[in-house]
PDB file of N, CA and C in Angstrom:
ATOM      1  N   UNK A   1     -17.241  67.810 153.262  1.00  0.00           N
ATOM      2  CA  UNK A   1     -16.441  66.650 152.494  1.00  0.00           C
ATOM      3  C   UNK A   1     -17.350  65.606 151.694  1.00  0.00           C
ATOM      4  N   UNK A   2     -16.544  65.251 150.622  1.00  0.00           N
ATOM      5  CA  UNK A   2     -17.269  64.497 149.904  1.00  0.00           C
ATOM      6  C   UNK A   2     -16.196  63.169 149.619  1.00  0.00           C
ATOM      7  N   UNK A   3     -16.782  62.139 149.193  1.00  0.00           N
ATOM      8  CA  UNK A   3     -16.154  60.616 148.638  1.00  0.00           C
ATOM      9  C   UNK A   3     -15.078  60.810 149.486  1.00  0.00           C
ATOM     10  N   UNK A   4     -15.253  60.538 151.024  1.00  0.00           N
ATOM     11  CA  UNK A   4     -13.900  60.041 151.696  1.00  0.00           C
ATOM     12  C   UNK A   4     -14.239  58.717 152.267  1.00  0.00           C
ATOM     13  N   UNK A   5     -13.273  58.185 152.110  1.00  0.00           N
ATOM     14  CA  UNK A   5     -13.296  56.837 152.805  1.00  0.00           C
ATOM     15  C   UNK A   5     -12.494  56.592 153.908  1.00  0.00           C
ATOM     16  N   UNK A   6     -12.875  56.205 155.221  1.00  0.00           N
ATOM     17  CA  UNK A   6     -12.244  56.097 156.602  1.00  0.00           C
ATOM     18  C   UNK A   6     -11.995  54.716 156.591  1.00  0.00           C
ATOM     19  N   UNK A   7     -10.858  54.007 156.467  1.00  0.00           N
ATOM     20  CA  UNK A   7     -10.759  52.721 156.480  1.00  0.00           C
ATOM     21  C   UNK A   7      -9.474  52.233 157.378  1.00  0.00           C
ATOM     22  N   UNK A   8      -9.808  50.918 157.781  1.00  0.00           N
ATOM     23  CA  UNK A   8      -8.578  50.031 158.463  1.00  0.00           C
ATOM     24  C   UNK A   8      -7.880  50.925 159.811  1.00  0.00           C
ATOM     25  N   UNK A   9      -8.675  51.390 160.245  1.00  0.00           N
ATOM     26  CA  UNK A   9      -7.908  52.324 161.431  1.00  0.00           C
ATOM     27  C   UNK A   9      -8.620  51.707 162.748  1.00  0.00           C
ATOM     28  N   UNK A  10      -7.778  51.803 163.861  1.00  0.00           N
ATOM     29  CA  UNK A  10      -8.011  51.676 165.362  1.00  0.00           C
ATOM     30  C   UNK A  10      -8.166  52.651 165.830  1.00  0.00           C
ATOM     31  N   UNK A  11      -9.769  53.107 166.122  1.00  0.00           N
ATOM     32  CA  UNK A  11     -10.094  54.228 166.756  1.00  0.00           C
ATOM     33  C   UNK A  11     -10.453  54.137 168.474  1.00  0.00           C
ATOM     34  N   UNK A  12      -9.743  54.900 169.208  1.00  0.00           N
ATOM     35  CA  UNK A  12     -10.237  54.674 170.535  1.00  0.00           C
ATOM     36  C   UNK A  12     -11.012  55.926 171.108  1.00  0.00           C
ATOM     37  N   UNK A  13     -12.556  55.397 171.498  1.00  0.00           N
ATOM     38  CA  UNK A  13     -13.539  56.440 171.773  1.00  0.00           C
ATOM     39  C   UNK A  13     -13.722  56.430 173.390  1.00  0.00           C
ATOM     40  N   UNK A  14     -12.536  56.718 173.925  1.00  0.00           N
ATOM     41  CA  UNK A  14     -12.621  57.106 175.653  1.00  0.00           C
ATOM     42  C   UNK A  14     -13.273  58.511 175.841  1.00  0.00           C
ATOM     43  N   UNK A  15     -12.703  59.209 175.156  1.00  0.00           N
ATOM     44  CA  UNK A  15     -13.442  60.706 175.078  1.00  0.00           C
ATOM     45  C   UNK A  15     -13.584  61.121 173.522  1.00  0.00           C
ATOM     46  N   UNK A  16     -14.565  61.870 173.503  1.00  0.00           N
ATOM     47  CA  UNK A  16     -14.818  62.388 172.010  1.00  0.00           C
ATOM     48  C   UNK A  16     -15.885  61.382 171.130  1.00  0.00           C
ATOM     49  N   UNK A  17     -15.886  61.498 169.931  1.00  0.00           N
ATOM     50  CA  UNK A  17     -16.959  60.373 169.015  1.00  0.00           C
ATOM     51  C   UNK A  17     -16.249  60.372 167.716  1.00  0.00           C
ATOM     52  N   UNK A  18     -17.128  59.780 167.013  1.00  0.00           N
ATOM     53  CA  UNK A  18     -16.499  59.103 165.583  1.00  0.00           C
ATOM     54  C   UNK A  18     -18.037  59.589 164.843  1.00  0.00           C
ATOM     55  N   UNK A  19     -17.454  60.018 163.383  1.00  0.00           N
ATOM     56  CA  UNK A  19     -18.601  60.271 162.614  1.00  0.00           C
ATOM     57  C   UNK A  19     -18.686  61.389 161.840  1.00  0.00           C
ATOM     58  N   UNK A  20     -19.767  61.838 161.408  1.00  0.00           N
ATOM     59  CA  UNK A  20     -19.746  63.188 160.681  1.00  0.00           C
ATOM     60  C   UNK A  20     -20.969  63.847 160.934  1.00  0.00           C
ATOM     61  N   UNK A  21     -20.706  65.118 161.346  1.00  0.00           N
ATOM     62  CA  UNK A  21     -21.405  66.117 161.653  1.00  0.00           C
ATOM     63  C   UNK A  21     -21.325  67.862 160.845  1.00  0.00           C
ATOM     64  N   UNK A  22     -22.110  68.154 160.431  1.00  0.00           N
ATOM     65  CA  UNK A  22     -22.073  69.559 159.887  1.00  0.00           C
ATOM     66  C   UNK A  22     -22.679  70.593 160.838  1.00  0.00           C
ATOM     67  N   UNK A  23     -21.805  71.458 161.449  1.00  0.00           N
ATOM     68  CA  UNK A  23     -22.354  72.199 162.511  1.00  0.00           C
ATOM     69  C   UNK A  23     -23.688  73.306 162.055  1.00  0.00           C
ATOM     70  N   UNK A  24     -23.567  73.234 160.744  1.00  0.00           N
ATOM     71  CA  UNK A  24     -24.729  73.916 160.183  1.00  0.00           C
ATOM     72  C   UNK A  24     -25.973  73.395 160.122  1.00  0.00           C
ATOM     73  N   UNK A  25     -25.775  71.774 160.488  1.00  0.00           N
ATOM     74  CA  UNK A  25     -27.215  71.021 160.818  1.00  0.00           C
ATOM     75  C   UNK A  25     -27.578  70.850 159.213  1.00  0.00           C
ATOM     76  N   UNK A  26     -26.623  70.868 158.128  1.00  0.00           N
ATOM     77  CA  UNK A  26     -27.198  70.617 156.825  1.00  0.00           C
ATOM     78  C   UNK A  26     -27.062  69.009 156.567  1.00  0.00           C
ATOM     79  N   UNK A  27     -27.995  68.435 156.121  1.00  0.00           N
ATOM     80  CA  UNK A  27     -27.354  66.994 155.841  1.00  0.00           C
ATOM     81  C   UNK A  27     -26.997  66.442 154.606  1.00  0.00           C
ATOM     82  N   UNK A  28     -26.642  67.339 153.948  1.00  0.00           N
ATOM     83  CA  UNK A  28     -26.031  67.051 152.691  1.00  0.00           C
ATOM     84  C   UNK A  28     -24.705  66.132 152.700  1.00  0.00           C
ATOM     85  N   UNK A  29     -24.257  66.265 153.967  1.00  0.00           N
ATOM     86  CA  UNK A  29     -22.876  65.675 154.246  1.00  0.00           C
ATOM     87  C   UNK A  29     -23.350  64.157 154.306  1.00  0.00           C
ATOM     88  N   UNK A  30     -24.548  63.676 154.649  1.00  0.00           N
ATOM     89  CA  UNK A  30     -24.651  62.428 154.902  1.00  0.00           C
ATOM     90  C   UNK A  30     -25.390  61.816 153.575  1.00  0.00           C
ATOM     91  N   UNK A  31     -25.088  62.242 152.415  1.00  0.00           N
ATOM     92  CA  UNK A  31     -25.435  62.263 151.229  1.00  0.00           C
ATOM     93  C   UNK A  31     -24.438  62.310 150.076  1.00  0.00           C
ATOM     94  N   UNK A  32     -22.925  62.378 150.760  1.00  0.00           N
ATOM     95  CA  UNK A  32     -22.029  62.914 150.030  1.00  0.00           C
ATOM     96  C   UNK A  32     -20.849  61.812 149.504  1.00  0.00           C
ATOM     97  N   UNK A  33     -21.514  60.390 149.723  1.00  0.00           N
ATOM     98  CA  UNK A  33     -20.299  59.414 149.424  1.00  0.00           C
ATOM     99  C   UNK A  33     -19.609  59.071 150.293  1.00  0.00           C
ATOM    100  N   UNK A  34     -19.560  59.423 151.590  1.00  0.00           N
ATOM    101  CA  UNK A  34     -18.401  59.357 152.582  1.00  0.00           C
ATOM    102  C   UNK A  34     -18.843  57.974 153.225  1.00  0.00           C
ATOM    103  N   UNK A  35     -17.689  57.107 153.324  1.00  0.00           N
ATOM    104  CA  UNK A  35     -17.892  55.796 154.066  1.00  0.00           C
ATOM    105  C   UNK A  35     -16.893  55.359 155.069  1.00  0.00           C
ATOM    106  N   UNK A  36     -17.104  54.439 155.869  1.00  0.00           N
ATOM    107  CA  UNK A  36     -16.403  54.098 156.937  1.00  0.00           C
ATOM    108  C   UNK A  36     -16.531  52.510 156.782  1.00  0.00           C
ATOM    109  N   UNK A  37     -15.222  51.841 156.790  1.00  0.00           N
ATOM    110  CA  UNK A  37     -15.281  50.296 156.413  1.00  0.00           C
ATOM    111  C   UNK A  37     -13.942  49.790 156.986  1.00  0.00           C
ATOM    112  N   UNK A  38     -14.039  48.887 157.846  1.00  0.00           N
ATOM    113  CA  UNK A  38     -12.941  47.728 158.456  1.00  0.00           C
ATOM    114  C   UNK A  38     -11.994  48.547 159.459  1.00  0.00           C
ATOM    115  N   UNK A  39     -12.969  49.525 160.147  1.00  0.00           N
ATOM    116  CA  UNK A  39     -12.450  50.094 161.165  1.00  0.00           C
ATOM    117  C   UNK A  39     -12.618  49.444 162.715  1.00  0.00           C
ATOM    118  N   UNK A  40     -11.681  49.329 163.596  1.00  0.00           N
ATOM    119  CA  UNK A  40     -12.022  48.808 165.024  1.00  0.00           C
ATOM    120  C   UNK A  40     -12.269  49.865 166.038  1.00  0.00           C
ATOM    121  N   UNK A  41     -13.240  49.902 166.645  1.00  0.00           N
ATOM    122  CA  UNK A  41     -13.469  50.872 167.854  1.00  0.00           C
ATOM    123  C   UNK A  41     -13.403  50.398 169.138  1.00  0.00           C
ATOM    124  N   UNK A  42     -12.774  50.955 169.972  1.00  0.00           N
ATOM    125  CA  UNK A  42     -12.551  50.783 171.122  1.00  0.00           C
ATOM    126  C   UNK A  42     -13.429  51.716 172.192  1.00  0.00           C
ATOM    127  N   UNK A  43     -14.160  50.996 173.054  1.00  0.00           N
ATOM    128  CA  UNK A  43     -15.293  51.876 173.718  1.00  0.00           C
ATOM    129  C   UNK A  43     -15.319  51.304 175.229  1.00  0.00           C
ATOM    130  N   UNK A  44     -15.732  52.385 176.201  1.00  0.00           N
ATOM    131  CA  UNK A  44     -15.692  51.728 177.582  1.00  0.00           C
ATOM    132  C   UNK A  44     -16.945  51.080 177.917  1.00  0.00           C
ATOM    133  N   UNK A  45     -18.126  51.243 177.045  1.00  0.00           N
ATOM    134  CA  UNK A  45     -19.394  50.761 177.413  1.00  0.00           C
ATOM    135  C   UNK A  45     -19.977  50.208 176.100  1.00  0.00           C
ATOM    136  N   UNK A  46     -20.573  49.022 175.822  1.00  0.00           N
ATOM    137  CA  UNK A  46     -21.202  48.663 174.573  1.00  0.00           C
ATOM    138  C   UNK A  46     -22.340  49.675 174.270  1.00  0.00           C
ATOM    139  N   UNK A  47     -22.926  50.239 175.103  1.00  0.00           N
ATOM    140  CA  UNK A  47     -23.990  50.978 174.719  1.00  0.00           C
ATOM    141  C   UNK A  47     -23.783  52.409 174.485  1.00  0.00           C
ATOM    142  N   UNK A  48     -22.411  52.830 174.754  1.00  0.00           N
ATOM    143  CA  UNK A  48     -21.738  54.107 174.611  1.00  0.00           C
ATOM    144  C   UNK A  48     -22.484  54.729 173.215  1.00  0.00           C
ATOM    145  N   UNK A  49     -22.733  55.938 173.437  1.00  0.00           N
ATOM    146  CA  UNK A  49     -23.175  56.769 172.527  1.00  0.00           C
ATOM    147  C   UNK A  49     -22.326  57.963 171.611  1.00  0.00           C
ATOM    148  N   UNK A  50     -21.241  57.262 171.073  1.00  0.00           N
ATOM    149  CA  UNK A  50     -20.148  57.495 170.710  1.00  0.00           C
ATOM    150  C   UNK A  50     -19.937  57.841 169.151  1.00  0.00           C
ATOM    151  N   UNK A  51     -21.025  57.570 168.634  1.00  0.00           N
ATOM    152  CA  UNK A  51     -21.067  57.924 166.949  1.00  0.00           C
ATOM    153  C   UNK A  51     -21.915  58.740 166.868  1.00  0.00           C
ATOM    154  N   UNK A  52     -21.647  59.663 165.614  1.00  0.00           N
ATOM    155  CA  UNK A  52     -22.588  60.708 165.381  1.00  0.00           C
ATOM    156  C   UNK A  52     -22.775  60.808 163.846  1.00  0.00           C
ATOM    157  N   UNK A  53     -24.126  60.758 163.484  1.00  0.00           N
ATOM    158  CA  UNK A  53     -24.621  60.802 162.145  1.00  0.00           C
ATOM    159  C   UNK A  53     -25.892  61.328 162.250  1.00  0.00           C
ATOM    160  N   UNK A  54     -26.475  61.247 161.182  1.00  0.00           N
ATOM    161  CA  UNK A  54     -28.083  61.339 160.755  1.00  0.00           C
ATOM    162  C   UNK A  54     -28.641  60.326 161.334  1.00  0.00           C
ATOM    163  N   UNK A  55     -29.966  60.625 162.323  1.00  0.00           N
ATOM    164  CA  UNK A  55     -30.814  59.547 162.831  1.00  0.00           C
ATOM    165  C   UNK A  55     -31.489  59.096 161.885  1.00  0.00           C
ATOM    166  N   UNK A  56     -32.377  57.994 162.128  1.00  0.00           N
ATOM    167  CA  UNK A  56     -33.348  57.275 161.252  1.00  0.00           C
ATOM    168  C   UNK A  56     -34.438  58.020 160.895  1.00  0.00           C
ATOM    169  N   UNK A  57     -34.968  59.274 161.739  1.00  0.00           N
ATOM    170  CA  UNK A  57     -35.754  60.241 161.305  1.00  0.00           C
ATOM    171  C   UNK A  57     -35.283  61.517 160.307  1.00  0.00           C
ATOM    172  N   UNK A  58     -33.561  61.419 160.225  1.00  0.00           N
ATOM    173  CA  UNK A  58     -33.421  62.369 159.578  1.00  0.00           C
ATOM    174  C   UNK A  58     -32.777  63.480 160.276  1.00  0.00           C
ATOM    175  N   UNK A  59     -32.884  63.661 161.312  1.00  0.00           N
ATOM    176  CA  UNK A  59     -32.331  64.562 162.262  1.00  0.00           C
ATOM    177  C   UNK A  59     -30.801  64.697 162.106  1.00  0.00           C
ATOM    178  N   UNK A  60     -30.100  65.665 161.751  1.00  0.00           N
ATOM    179  CA  UNK A  60     -28.712  65.797 161.930  1.00  0.00           C
ATOM    180  C   UNK A  60     -28.259  65.794 163.164  1.00  0.00           C
ATOM    181  N   UNK A  61     -27.157  65.395 163.346  1.00  0.00           N
ATOM    182  CA  UNK A  61     -26.232  65.267 164.634  1.00  0.00           C
ATOM    183  C   UNK A  61     -26.971  64.304 165.789  1.00  0.00           C
ATOM    184  N   UNK A  62     -27.385  63.040 165.376  1.00  0.00           N
ATOM    185  CA  UNK A  62     -27.838  62.073 166.332  1.00  0.00           C
ATOM    186  C   UNK A  62     -26.551  61.372 166.929  1.00  0.00           C
ATOM    187  N   UNK A  63     -26.594  60.899 168.227  1.00  0.00           N
ATOM    188  CA  UNK A  63     -25.899  60.080 169.043  1.00  0.00           C
ATOM    189  C   UNK A  63     -26.271  58.860 168.818  1.00  0.00           C
ATOM    190  N   UNK A  64     -25.494  57.938 168.400  1.00  0.00           N
ATOM    191  CA  UNK A  64     -25.859  56.467 167.993  1.00  0.00           C
ATOM    192  C   UNK A  64     -24.822  55.353 168.725  1.00  0.00           C
ATOM    193  N   UNK A  65     -25.435  54.021 169.291  1.00  0.00           N
ATOM    194  CA  UNK A  65     -24.612  53.071 169.593  1.00  0.00           C
ATOM    195  C   UNK A  65     -23.880  52.666 168.255  1.00  0.00           C
ATOM    196  N   UNK A  66     -22.996  51.643 168.470  1.00  0.00           N
ATOM    197  CA  UNK A  66     -22.174  50.938 167.380  1.00  0.00           C
ATOM    198  C   UNK A  66     -23.033  50.222 166.636  1.00  0.00           C
ATOM    199  N   UNK A  67     -24.213  49.740 167.295  1.00  0.00           N
ATOM    200  CA  UNK A  67     -25.318  48.701 166.586  1.00  0.00           C
ATOM    201  C   UNK A  67     -26.115  49.690 165.522  1.00  0.00           C
ATOM    202  N   UNK A  68     -26.336  50.959 166.041  1.00  0.00           N
ATOM    203  CA  UNK A  68     -27.284  52.038 165.408  1.00  0.00           C
ATOM    204  C   UNK A  68     -26.442  52.487 164.086  1.00  0.00           C
ATOM    205  N   UNK A  69     -25.219  52.580 164.605  1.00  0.00           N
ATOM    206  CA  UNK A  69     -24.139  53.109 163.568  1.00  0.00           C
ATOM    207  C   UNK A  69     -24.057  51.977 162.504  1.00  0.00           C
ATOM    208  N   UNK A  70     -23.775  51.045 162.661  1.00  0.00           N
ATOM    209  CA  UNK A  70     -23.899  49.759 161.640  1.00  0.00           C
ATOM    210  C   UNK A  70     -25.311  49.404 160.810  1.00  0.00           C
ATOM    211  N   UNK A  71     -26.318  49.488 161.545  1.00  0.00           N
ATOM    212  CA  UNK A  71     -27.675  49.598 160.972  1.00  0.00           C
ATOM    213  C   UNK A  71     -27.754  50.285 160.021  1.00  0.00           C
ATOM    214  N   UNK A  72     -26.953  51.756 160.022  1.00  0.00           N
ATOM    215  CA  UNK A  72     -27.292  52.747 158.910  1.00  0.00           C
ATOM    216  C   UNK A  72     -26.319  52.351 157.793  1.00  0.00           C
ATOM    217  N   UNK A  73     -25.690  51.403 157.849  1.00  0.00           N
ATOM    218  CA  UNK A  73     -24.807  51.068 156.701  1.00  0.00           C
ATOM    219  C   UNK A  73     -23.191  51.382 156.949  1.00  0.00           C
ATOM    220  N   UNK A  74     -22.756  51.761 158.016  1.00  0.00           N
ATOM    221  CA  UNK A  74     -21.608  52.240 158.545  1.00  0.00           C
ATOM    222  C   UNK A  74     -20.603  51.408 158.875  1.00  0.00           C
ATOM    223  N   UNK A  75     -19.534  51.189 158.335  1.00  0.00           N
ATOM    224  CA  UNK A  75     -18.542  50.107 158.843  1.00  0.00           C
ATOM    225  C   UNK A  75     -19.183  48.717 159.365  1.00  0.00           C
ATOM    226  N   UNK A  76     -20.081  48.101 158.366  1.00  0.00           N
ATOM    227  CA  UNK A  76     -20.791  46.850 158.539  1.00  0.00           C
ATOM    228  C   UNK A  76     -19.536  45.855 158.621  1.00  0.00           C
ATOM    229  N   UNK A  77     -18.574  46.077 158.329  1.00  0.00           N
ATOM    230  CA  UNK A  77     -17.485  44.802 158.501  1.00  0.00           C
ATOM    231  C   UNK A  77     -16.383  45.470 159.589  1.00  0.00           C
ATOM    232  N   UNK A  78     -16.688  46.433 160.199  1.00  0.00           N
ATOM    233  CA  UNK A  78     -15.836  47.070 161.487  1.00  0.00           C
ATOM    234  C   UNK A  78     -16.199  46.258 162.508  1.00  0.00           C
ATOM    235  N   UNK A  79     -15.438  46.444 163.896  1.00  0.00           N
ATOM    236  CA  UNK A  79     -15.394  45.421 164.836  1.00  0.00           C
ATOM    237  C   UNK A  79     -15.569  46.643 166.267  1.00  0.00           C
ATOM    238  N   UNK A  80     -16.048  46.189 167.240  1.00  0.00           N
ATOM    239  CA  UNK A  80     -16.170  46.887 168.342  1.00  0.00           C
ATOM    240  C   UNK A  80     -15.311  46.192 169.613  1.00  0.00           C
ATOM    241  N   UNK A  81     -14.550  46.778 170.590  1.00  0.00           N
ATOM    242  CA  UNK A  81     -13.859  46.019 171.385  1.00  0.00           C
ATOM    243  C   UNK A  81     -14.312  47.133 172.703  1.00  0.00           C
ATOM    244  N   UNK A  82     -14.610  46.410 173.859  1.00  0.00           N
ATOM    245  CA  UNK A  82     -15.150  46.962 174.919  1.00  0.00           C
ATOM    246  C   UNK A  82     -13.425  47.274 176.019  1.00  0.00           C
ATOM    247  N   UNK A  83     -13.213  48.205 176.558  1.00  0.00           N
ATOM    248  CA  UNK A  83     -12.163  48.488 177.574  1.00  0.00           C
ATOM    249  C   UNK A  83     -12.319  47.377 178.777  1.00  0.00           C
TER     250      UNK A  83
END
């Protein structure tokens, strides 16, 4: 996927995850212009590892907290709600 913007959604992450992962572990998806903005995420625990994206070390398929997700530049204007 390229140049996709995921914006303005209410995402409930009780089961499953949010983010982007290439099952072939190709990191090109992380440099393809895909963005997340203005979304609201509902989670069961504020430390829940429910976001998936490239880690800061470049590993494909990292599990992240909301803060780590935002630290990578994702959904910096988004919000998190705890159930």
